[in-house]
Amino acid sequence: MASRLETVEESKAGSSYSLVLNDIFTIDELFDIETESQFDHFYQLEDDIIEGHDEKIPLFLEVARQLMEKGIESREIVGIELRQISIILNKEL
């Protein structure tokens, strides 16, 4: 049985691996369910802090620490977010 090319796909050069995987397998999540849930919580806390709920900073930093322990990818994402929120709030977290 011979293989046959049905369609020609454009090159994905310059696209991230996650974008390519999403295109091929329609996977929207980057991480496992637990980690995705922690990121949801992290981003909600970040929004709350930006809205002025400074009392949530300790919990935010704890969730950030837990996410950073999961691996290099989550550590980089959290690091970027921590730098951004520090700039927005004009204070070091």
PDB file of N, CA and C in Angstrom:
ATOM      1  N   MET A   1       0.845  -1.172   0.000  1.00  0.00           N
ATOM      2  CA  MET A   1       0.000   0.000   0.000  1.00  0.00           C
ATOM      3  C   MET A   1       0.893   1.239   0.000  1.00  0.00           C
ATOM      4  N   ALA A   2       0.662   2.145  -0.896  1.00  0.00           N
ATOM      5  CA  ALA A   2       1.464   3.360  -1.031  1.00  0.00           C
ATOM      6  C   ALA A   2       0.820   4.499  -0.246  1.00  0.00           C
ATOM      7  N   SER A   3       1.670   5.365   0.244  1.00  0.00           N
ATOM      8  CA  SER A   3       1.184   6.564   0.931  1.00  0.00           C
ATOM      9  C   SER A   3       0.958   7.660  -0.083  1.00  0.00           C
ATOM     10  N   ARG A   4       0.031   8.546   0.220  1.00  0.00           N
ATOM     11  CA  ARG A   4      -0.255   9.628  -0.707  1.00  0.00           C
ATOM     12  C   ARG A   4      -0.477  10.910   0.089  1.00  0.00           C
ATOM     13  N   LEU A   5       0.110  12.000  -0.366  1.00  0.00           N
ATOM     14  CA  LEU A   5      -0.023  13.295   0.273  1.00  0.00           C
ATOM     15  C   LEU A   5      -1.356  13.908  -0.121  1.00  0.00           C
ATOM     16  N   GLU A   6      -2.192  14.192   0.870  1.00  0.00           N
ATOM     17  CA  GLU A   6      -3.520  14.736   0.607  1.00  0.00           C
ATOM     18  C   GLU A   6      -3.495  16.256   0.494  1.00  0.00           C
ATOM     19  N   THR A   7      -2.790  16.918   1.403  1.00  0.00           N
ATOM     20  CA  THR A   7      -2.707  18.378   1.386  1.00  0.00           C
ATOM     21  C   THR A   7      -1.285  18.804   1.694  1.00  0.00           C
ATOM     22  N   VAL A   8      -0.950  19.991   1.262  1.00  0.00           N
ATOM     23  CA  VAL A   8       0.361  20.562   1.548  1.00  0.00           C
ATOM     24  C   VAL A   8       0.181  21.611   2.624  1.00  0.00           C
ATOM     25  N   GLU A   9       0.935  21.470   3.704  1.00  0.00           N
ATOM     26  CA  GLU A   9       0.879  22.420   4.810  1.00  0.00           C
ATOM     27  C   GLU A   9       2.004  23.425   4.665  1.00  0.00           C
ATOM     28  N   GLU A  10       1.732  24.680   5.011  1.00  0.00           N
ATOM     29  CA  GLU A  10       2.770  25.695   5.007  1.00  0.00           C
ATOM     30  C   GLU A  10       3.780  25.383   6.097  1.00  0.00           C
ATOM     31  N   SER A  11       5.001  25.831   5.872  1.00  0.00           N
ATOM     32  CA  SER A  11       6.065  25.648   6.855  1.00  0.00           C
ATOM     33  C   SER A  11       5.686  26.310   8.174  1.00  0.00           C
ATOM     34  N   LYS A  12       6.038  25.679   9.256  1.00  0.00           N
ATOM     35  CA  LYS A  12       5.776  26.230  10.589  1.00  0.00           C
ATOM     36  C   LYS A  12       7.027  26.887  11.157  1.00  0.00           C
ATOM     37  N   ALA A  13       8.018  27.167  10.304  1.00  0.00           N
ATOM     38  CA  ALA A  13       9.253  27.809  10.759  1.00  0.00           C
ATOM     39  C   ALA A  13       8.916  29.101  11.485  1.00  0.00           C
ATOM     40  N   GLY A  14       9.499  29.274  12.643  1.00  0.00           N
ATOM     41  CA  GLY A  14       9.249  30.458  13.454  1.00  0.00           C
ATOM     42  C   GLY A  14       8.116  30.280  14.442  1.00  0.00           C
ATOM     43  N   SER A  15       7.385  29.190  14.348  1.00  0.00           N
ATOM     44  CA  SER A  15       6.300  28.913  15.285  1.00  0.00           C
ATOM     45  C   SER A  15       6.824  28.113  16.467  1.00  0.00           C
ATOM     46  N   SER A  16       6.242  28.344  17.625  1.00  0.00           N
ATOM     47  CA  SER A  16       6.643  27.579  18.805  1.00  0.00           C
ATOM     48  C   SER A  16       6.135  26.146  18.689  1.00  0.00           C
ATOM     49  N   TYR A  17       6.768  25.263  19.451  1.00  0.00           N
ATOM     50  CA  TYR A  17       6.330  23.869  19.457  1.00  0.00           C
ATOM     51  C   TYR A  17       4.883  23.755  19.925  1.00  0.00           C
ATOM     52  N   SER A  18       4.516  24.565  20.917  1.00  0.00           N
ATOM     53  CA  SER A  18       3.144  24.477  21.422  1.00  0.00           C
ATOM     54  C   SER A  18       2.140  24.890  20.352  1.00  0.00           C
ATOM     55  N   LEU A  19       2.474  25.893  19.534  1.00  0.00           N
ATOM     56  CA  LEU A  19       1.581  26.297  18.451  1.00  0.00           C
ATOM     57  C   LEU A  19       1.461  25.189  17.413  1.00  0.00           C
ATOM     58  N   VAL A  20       2.573  24.558  17.073  1.00  0.00           N
ATOM     59  CA  VAL A  20       2.551  23.462  16.109  1.00  0.00           C
ATOM     60  C   VAL A  20       1.723  22.298  16.653  1.00  0.00           C
ATOM     61  N   LEU A  21       1.937  21.941  17.919  1.00  0.00           N
ATOM     62  CA  LEU A  21       1.149  20.852  18.513  1.00  0.00           C
ATOM     63  C   LEU A  21      -0.329  21.194  18.532  1.00  0.00           C
ATOM     64  N   ASN A  22      -0.642  22.452  18.832  1.00  0.00           N
ATOM     65  CA  ASN A  22      -2.039  22.865  18.842  1.00  0.00           C
ATOM     66  C   ASN A  22      -2.643  22.721  17.452  1.00  0.00           C
ATOM     67  N   ASP A  23      -1.904  23.124  16.421  1.00  0.00           N
ATOM     68  CA  ASP A  23      -2.399  22.998  15.044  1.00  0.00           C
ATOM     69  C   ASP A  23      -2.616  21.543  14.656  1.00  0.00           C
ATOM     70  N   ILE A  24      -1.697  20.676  15.048  1.00  0.00           N
ATOM     71  CA  ILE A  24      -1.769  19.268  14.640  1.00  0.00           C
ATOM     72  C   ILE A  24      -2.773  18.484  15.478  1.00  0.00           C
ATOM     73  N   PHE A  25      -2.690  18.647  16.795  1.00  0.00           N
ATOM     74  CA  PHE A  25      -3.501  17.814  17.692  1.00  0.00           C
ATOM     75  C   PHE A  25      -4.642  18.564  18.365  1.00  0.00           C
ATOM     76  N   THR A  26      -4.801  19.827  18.069  1.00  0.00           N
ATOM     77  CA  THR A  26      -5.797  20.698  18.713  1.00  0.00           C
ATOM     78  C   THR A  26      -5.739  20.611  20.239  1.00  0.00           C
ATOM     79  N   ILE A  27      -4.524  20.733  20.757  1.00  0.00           N
ATOM     80  CA  ILE A  27      -4.291  20.732  22.206  1.00  0.00           C
ATOM     81  C   ILE A  27      -4.115  22.175  22.638  1.00  0.00           C
ATOM     82  N   ASP A  28      -5.002  22.659  23.494  1.00  0.00           N
ATOM     83  CA  ASP A  28      -4.922  24.037  23.952  1.00  0.00           C
ATOM     84  C   ASP A  28      -4.104  24.184  25.229  1.00  0.00           C
ATOM     85  N   GLU A  29      -4.039  23.154  26.038  1.00  0.00           N
ATOM     86  CA  GLU A  29      -3.339  23.218  27.307  1.00  0.00           C
ATOM     87  C   GLU A  29      -1.856  22.969  27.105  1.00  0.00           C
ATOM     88  N   LEU A  30      -1.058  23.676  27.896  1.00  0.00           N
ATOM     89  CA  LEU A  30       0.387  23.474  27.854  1.00  0.00           C
ATOM     90  C   LEU A  30       0.844  22.451  28.879  1.00  0.00           C
ATOM     91  N   PHE A  31       0.066  22.300  29.960  1.00  0.00           N
ATOM     92  CA  PHE A  31       0.478  21.477  31.088  1.00  0.00           C
ATOM     93  C   PHE A  31      -0.632  20.503  31.476  1.00  0.00           C
ATOM     94  N   ASP A  32      -0.342  19.685  32.471  1.00  0.00           N
ATOM     95  CA  ASP A  32      -1.338  18.754  33.001  1.00  0.00           C
ATOM     96  C   ASP A  32      -2.468  19.532  33.679  1.00  0.00           C
ATOM     97  N   ILE A  33      -3.558  18.856  33.977  1.00  0.00           N
ATOM     98  CA  ILE A  33      -4.754  19.485  34.538  1.00  0.00           C
ATOM     99  C   ILE A  33      -4.449  20.205  35.845  1.00  0.00           C
ATOM    100  N   GLU A  34      -3.687  19.585  36.742  1.00  0.00           N
ATOM    101  CA  GLU A  34      -3.366  20.205  38.035  1.00  0.00           C
ATOM    102  C   GLU A  34      -2.579  21.500  37.844  1.00  0.00           C
ATOM    103  N   THR A  35      -1.577  21.466  36.983  1.00  0.00           N
ATOM    104  CA  THR A  35      -0.756  22.651  36.741  1.00  0.00           C
ATOM    105  C   THR A  35      -1.579  23.740  36.066  1.00  0.00           C
ATOM    106  N   GLU A  36      -2.422  23.379  35.114  1.00  0.00           N
ATOM    107  CA  GLU A  36      -3.297  24.360  34.469  1.00  0.00           C
ATOM    108  C   GLU A  36      -4.204  25.022  35.505  1.00  0.00           C
ATOM    109  N   SER A  37      -4.722  24.228  36.443  1.00  0.00           N
ATOM    110  CA  SER A  37      -5.572  24.770  37.505  1.00  0.00           C
ATOM    111  C   SER A  37      -4.785  25.740  38.394  1.00  0.00           C
ATOM    112  N   GLN A  38      -3.535  25.387  38.702  1.00  0.00           N
ATOM    113  CA  GLN A  38      -2.696  26.284  39.499  1.00  0.00           C
ATOM    114  C   GLN A  38      -2.421  27.582  38.741  1.00  0.00           C
ATOM    115  N   PHE A  39      -2.191  27.491  37.441  1.00  0.00           N
ATOM    116  CA  PHE A  39      -1.988  28.704  36.651  1.00  0.00           C
ATOM    117  C   PHE A  39      -3.257  29.560  36.634  1.00  0.00           C
ATOM    118  N   ASP A  40      -4.418  28.937  36.532  1.00  0.00           N
ATOM    119  CA  ASP A  40      -5.670  29.693  36.593  1.00  0.00           C
ATOM    120  C   ASP A  40      -5.763  30.464  37.907  1.00  0.00           C
ATOM    121  N   HIS A  41      -5.438  29.782  39.010  1.00  0.00           N
ATOM    122  CA  HIS A  41      -5.459  30.408  40.335  1.00  0.00           C
ATOM    123  C   HIS A  41      -4.424  31.535  40.405  1.00  0.00           C
ATOM    124  N   PHE A  42      -3.235  31.291  39.881  1.00  0.00           N
ATOM    125  CA  PHE A  42      -2.158  32.272  39.849  1.00  0.00           C
ATOM    126  C   PHE A  42      -2.597  33.535  39.109  1.00  0.00           C
ATOM    127  N   TYR A  43      -3.189  33.364  37.928  1.00  0.00           N
ATOM    128  CA  TYR A  43      -3.616  34.517  37.135  1.00  0.00           C
ATOM    129  C   TYR A  43      -4.781  35.256  37.793  1.00  0.00           C
ATOM    130  N   GLN A  44      -5.671  34.524  38.464  1.00  0.00           N
ATOM    131  CA  GLN A  44      -6.775  35.187  39.172  1.00  0.00           C
ATOM    132  C   GLN A  44      -6.232  36.029  40.328  1.00  0.00           C
ATOM    133  N   LEU A  45      -5.285  35.466  41.076  1.00  0.00           N
ATOM    134  CA  LEU A  45      -4.661  36.220  42.157  1.00  0.00           C
ATOM    135  C   LEU A  45      -3.928  37.444  41.610  1.00  0.00           C
ATOM    136  N   GLU A  46      -3.251  37.276  40.483  1.00  0.00           N
ATOM    137  CA  GLU A  46      -2.550  38.393  39.861  1.00  0.00           C
ATOM    138  C   GLU A  46      -3.530  39.517  39.513  1.00  0.00           C
ATOM    139  N   ASP A  47      -4.664  39.154  38.925  1.00  0.00           N
ATOM    140  CA  ASP A  47      -5.686  40.155  38.599  1.00  0.00           C
ATOM    141  C   ASP A  47      -6.197  40.846  39.860  1.00  0.00           C
ATOM    142  N   ASP A  48      -6.434  40.071  40.914  1.00  0.00           N
ATOM    143  CA  ASP A  48      -6.919  40.639  42.178  1.00  0.00           C
ATOM    144  C   ASP A  48      -5.915  41.635  42.752  1.00  0.00           C
ATOM    145  N   ILE A  49      -4.640  41.288  42.691  1.00  0.00           N
ATOM    146  CA  ILE A  49      -3.588  42.168  43.222  1.00  0.00           C
ATOM    147  C   ILE A  49      -3.507  43.452  42.406  1.00  0.00           C
ATOM    148  N   ILE A  50      -3.608  43.348  41.105  1.00  0.00           N
ATOM    149  CA  ILE A  50      -3.593  44.528  40.243  1.00  0.00           C
ATOM    150  C   ILE A  50      -4.774  45.437  40.558  1.00  0.00           C
ATOM    151  N   GLU A  51      -5.895  44.830  40.954  1.00  0.00           N
ATOM    152  CA  GLU A  51      -7.091  45.607  41.321  1.00  0.00           C
ATOM    153  C   GLU A  51      -6.990  46.203  42.722  1.00  0.00           C
ATOM    154  N   GLY A  52      -5.885  45.938  43.426  1.00  0.00           N
ATOM    155  CA  GLY A  52      -5.673  46.572  44.718  1.00  0.00           C
ATOM    156  C   GLY A  52      -5.781  45.673  45.936  1.00  0.00           C
ATOM    157  N   HIS A  53      -5.925  44.394  45.754  1.00  0.00           N
ATOM    158  CA  HIS A  53      -6.052  43.458  46.880  1.00  0.00           C
ATOM    159  C   HIS A  53      -4.670  42.972  47.324  1.00  0.00           C
ATOM    160  N   ASP A  54      -3.910  43.874  47.946  1.00  0.00           N
ATOM    161  CA  ASP A  54      -2.539  43.554  48.369  1.00  0.00           C
ATOM    162  C   ASP A  54      -2.474  42.419  49.387  1.00  0.00           C
ATOM    163  N   GLU A  55      -3.562  42.168  50.088  1.00  0.00           N
ATOM    164  CA  GLU A  55      -3.573  41.088  51.083  1.00  0.00           C
ATOM    165  C   GLU A  55      -3.400  39.712  50.435  1.00  0.00           C
ATOM    166  N   LYS A  56      -3.583  39.638  49.133  1.00  0.00           N
ATOM    167  CA  LYS A  56      -3.446  38.363  48.418  1.00  0.00           C
ATOM    168  C   LYS A  56      -2.017  38.109  47.928  1.00  0.00           C
ATOM    169  N   ILE A  57      -1.117  39.064  48.149  1.00  0.00           N
ATOM    170  CA  ILE A  57       0.258  38.906  47.673  1.00  0.00           C
ATOM    171  C   ILE A  57       0.944  37.669  48.268  1.00  0.00           C
ATOM    172  N   PRO A  58       0.840  37.414  49.583  1.00  0.00           N
ATOM    173  CA  PRO A  58       1.511  36.210  50.116  1.00  0.00           C
ATOM    174  C   PRO A  58       1.030  34.910  49.455  1.00  0.00           C
ATOM    175  N   LEU A  59      -0.276  34.770  49.244  1.00  0.00           N
ATOM    176  CA  LEU A  59      -0.803  33.568  48.588  1.00  0.00           C
ATOM    177  C   LEU A  59      -0.334  33.513  47.139  1.00  0.00           C
ATOM    178  N   PHE A  60      -0.347  34.646  46.462  1.00  0.00           N
ATOM    179  CA  PHE A  60       0.138  34.735  45.084  1.00  0.00           C
ATOM    180  C   PHE A  60       1.584  34.260  44.987  1.00  0.00           C
ATOM    181  N   LEU A  61       2.421  34.719  45.904  1.00  0.00           N
ATOM    182  CA  LEU A  61       3.831  34.327  45.889  1.00  0.00           C
ATOM    183  C   LEU A  61       4.013  32.844  46.210  1.00  0.00           C
ATOM    184  N   GLU A  62       3.145  32.301  47.065  1.00  0.00           N
ATOM    185  CA  GLU A  62       3.213  30.864  47.373  1.00  0.00           C
ATOM    186  C   GLU A  62       2.833  30.032  46.144  1.00  0.00           C
ATOM    187  N   VAL A  63       1.762  30.423  45.456  1.00  0.00           N
ATOM    188  CA  VAL A  63       1.358  29.712  44.241  1.00  0.00           C
ATOM    189  C   VAL A  63       2.455  29.848  43.182  1.00  0.00           C
ATOM    190  N   ALA A  64       3.056  31.032  43.086  1.00  0.00           N
ATOM    191  CA  ALA A  64       4.160  31.245  42.146  1.00  0.00           C
ATOM    192  C   ALA A  64       5.313  30.302  42.460  1.00  0.00           C
ATOM    193  N   ARG A  65       5.657  30.165  43.737  1.00  0.00           N
ATOM    194  CA  ARG A  65       6.751  29.273  44.150  1.00  0.00           C
ATOM    195  C   ARG A  65       6.442  27.831  43.754  1.00  0.00           C
ATOM    196  N   GLN A  66       5.221  27.392  44.023  1.00  0.00           N
ATOM    197  CA  GLN A  66       4.834  26.023  43.685  1.00  0.00           C
ATOM    198  C   GLN A  66       4.936  25.775  42.182  1.00  0.00           C
ATOM    199  N   LEU A  67       4.489  26.732  41.397  1.00  0.00           N
ATOM    200  CA  LEU A  67       4.560  26.588  39.941  1.00  0.00           C
ATOM    201  C   LEU A  67       6.002  26.574  39.457  1.00  0.00           C
ATOM    202  N   MET A  68       6.848  27.403  40.050  1.00  0.00           N
ATOM    203  CA  MET A  68       8.245  27.471  39.630  1.00  0.00           C
ATOM    204  C   MET A  68       8.994  26.179  39.928  1.00  0.00           C
ATOM    205  N   GLU A  69       8.533  25.442  40.922  1.00  0.00           N
ATOM    206  CA  GLU A  69       9.159  24.161  41.269  1.00  0.00           C
ATOM    207  C   GLU A  69       8.809  23.056  40.282  1.00  0.00           C
ATOM    208  N   LYS A  70       7.816  23.272  39.446  1.00  0.00           N
ATOM    209  CA  LYS A  70       7.345  22.225  38.536  1.00  0.00           C
ATOM    210  C   LYS A  70       8.260  22.011  37.340  1.00  0.00           C
ATOM    211  N   GLY A  71       9.051  23.012  36.984  1.00  0.00           N
ATOM    212  CA  GLY A  71       9.949  22.831  35.850  1.00  0.00           C
ATOM    213  C   GLY A  71      10.319  24.137  35.196  1.00  0.00           C
ATOM    214  N   ILE A  72      11.210  24.032  34.231  1.00  0.00           N
ATOM    215  CA  ILE A  72      11.772  25.212  33.578  1.00  0.00           C
ATOM    216  C   ILE A  72      10.718  26.035  32.850  1.00  0.00           C
ATOM    217  N   GLU A  73       9.788  25.390  32.171  1.00  0.00           N
ATOM    218  CA  GLU A  73       8.779  26.136  31.419  1.00  0.00           C
ATOM    219  C   GLU A  73       7.880  26.948  32.338  1.00  0.00           C
ATOM    220  N   SER A  74       7.370  26.310  33.367  1.00  0.00           N
ATOM    221  CA  SER A  74       6.502  27.046  34.286  1.00  0.00           C
ATOM    222  C   SER A  74       7.300  28.105  35.044  1.00  0.00           C
ATOM    223  N   ARG A  75       8.564  27.829  35.348  1.00  0.00           N
ATOM    224  CA  ARG A  75       9.419  28.805  36.027  1.00  0.00           C
ATOM    225  C   ARG A  75       9.599  30.055  35.166  1.00  0.00           C
ATOM    226  N   GLU A  76       9.795  29.869  33.869  1.00  0.00           N
ATOM    227  CA  GLU A  76       9.965  31.010  32.969  1.00  0.00           C
ATOM    228  C   GLU A  76       8.679  31.825  32.848  1.00  0.00           C
ATOM    229  N   ILE A  77       7.550  31.161  32.729  1.00  0.00           N
ATOM    230  CA  ILE A  77       6.259  31.853  32.632  1.00  0.00           C
ATOM    231  C   ILE A  77       6.013  32.672  33.893  1.00  0.00           C
ATOM    232  N   VAL A  78       6.198  32.045  35.053  1.00  0.00           N
ATOM    233  CA  VAL A  78       5.968  32.737  36.321  1.00  0.00           C
ATOM    234  C   VAL A  78       6.954  33.894  36.490  1.00  0.00           C
ATOM    235  N   GLY A  79       8.201  33.683  36.112  1.00  0.00           N
ATOM    236  CA  GLY A  79       9.198  34.751  36.210  1.00  0.00           C
ATOM    237  C   GLY A  79       8.800  35.977  35.410  1.00  0.00           C
ATOM    238  N   ILE A  80       8.315  35.766  34.204  1.00  0.00           N
ATOM    239  CA  ILE A  80       7.851  36.870  33.359  1.00  0.00           C
ATOM    240  C   ILE A  80       6.695  37.595  34.028  1.00  0.00           C
ATOM    241  N   GLU A  81       5.741  36.841  34.543  1.00  0.00           N
ATOM    242  CA  GLU A  81       4.581  37.447  35.199  1.00  0.00           C
ATOM    243  C   GLU A  81       4.985  38.228  36.452  1.00  0.00           C
ATOM    244  N   LEU A  82       5.920  37.684  37.225  1.00  0.00           N
ATOM    245  CA  LEU A  82       6.380  38.388  38.427  1.00  0.00           C
ATOM    246  C   LEU A  82       7.054  39.710  38.065  1.00  0.00           C
ATOM    247  N   ARG A  83       7.854  39.704  37.015  1.00  0.00           N
ATOM    248  CA  ARG A  83       8.492  40.956  36.577  1.00  0.00           C
ATOM    249  C   ARG A  83       7.446  41.959  36.112  1.00  0.00           C
ATOM    250  N   GLN A  84       6.455  41.503  35.380  1.00  0.00           N
ATOM    251  CA  GLN A  84       5.425  42.396  34.870  1.00  0.00           C
ATOM    252  C   GLN A  84       4.590  43.005  36.002  1.00  0.00           C
ATOM    253  N   ILE A  85       4.194  42.186  36.952  1.00  0.00           N
ATOM    254  CA  ILE A  85       3.370  42.718  38.042  1.00  0.00           C
ATOM    255  C   ILE A  85       4.189  43.652  38.932  1.00  0.00           C
ATOM    256  N   SER A  86       5.487  43.398  39.069  1.00  0.00           N
ATOM    257  CA  SER A  86       6.349  44.308  39.825  1.00  0.00           C
ATOM    258  C   SER A  86       6.409  45.669  39.142  1.00  0.00           C
ATOM    259  N   ILE A  87       6.467  45.668  37.820  1.00  0.00           N
ATOM    260  CA  ILE A  87       6.480  46.924  37.062  1.00  0.00           C
ATOM    261  C   ILE A  87       5.143  47.645  37.214  1.00  0.00           C
ATOM    262  N   ILE A  88       4.050  46.910  37.076  1.00  0.00           N
ATOM    263  CA  ILE A  88       2.708  47.498  37.181  1.00  0.00           C
ATOM    264  C   ILE A  88       2.502  48.118  38.565  1.00  0.00           C
ATOM    265  N   LEU A  89       2.904  47.395  39.609  1.00  0.00           N
ATOM    266  CA  LEU A  89       2.700  47.870  40.978  1.00  0.00           C
ATOM    267  C   LEU A  89       3.798  48.823  41.434  1.00  0.00           C
ATOM    268  N   ASN A  90       4.866  48.895  40.651  1.00  0.00           N
ATOM    269  CA  ASN A  90       6.021  49.725  40.982  1.00  0.00           C
ATOM    270  C   ASN A  90       6.613  49.332  42.333  1.00  0.00           C
ATOM    271  N   LYS A  91       6.686  48.012  42.559  1.00  0.00           N
ATOM    272  CA  LYS A  91       7.352  47.492  43.764  1.00  0.00           C
ATOM    273  C   LYS A  91       7.821  46.072  43.524  1.00  0.00           C
ATOM    274  N   GLU A  92       8.878  45.720  44.209  1.00  0.00           N
ATOM    275  CA  GLU A  92       9.451  44.380  44.086  1.00  0.00           C
ATOM    276  C   GLU A  92       8.633  43.388  44.897  1.00  0.00           C
ATOM    277  N   LEU A  93       8.335  42.236  44.291  1.00  0.00           N
ATOM    278  CA  LEU A  93       7.591  41.188  45.023  1.00  0.00           C
ATOM    279  C   LEU A  93       8.530  40.089  45.432  1.00  0.00           C
TER     280      LEU A  93
END
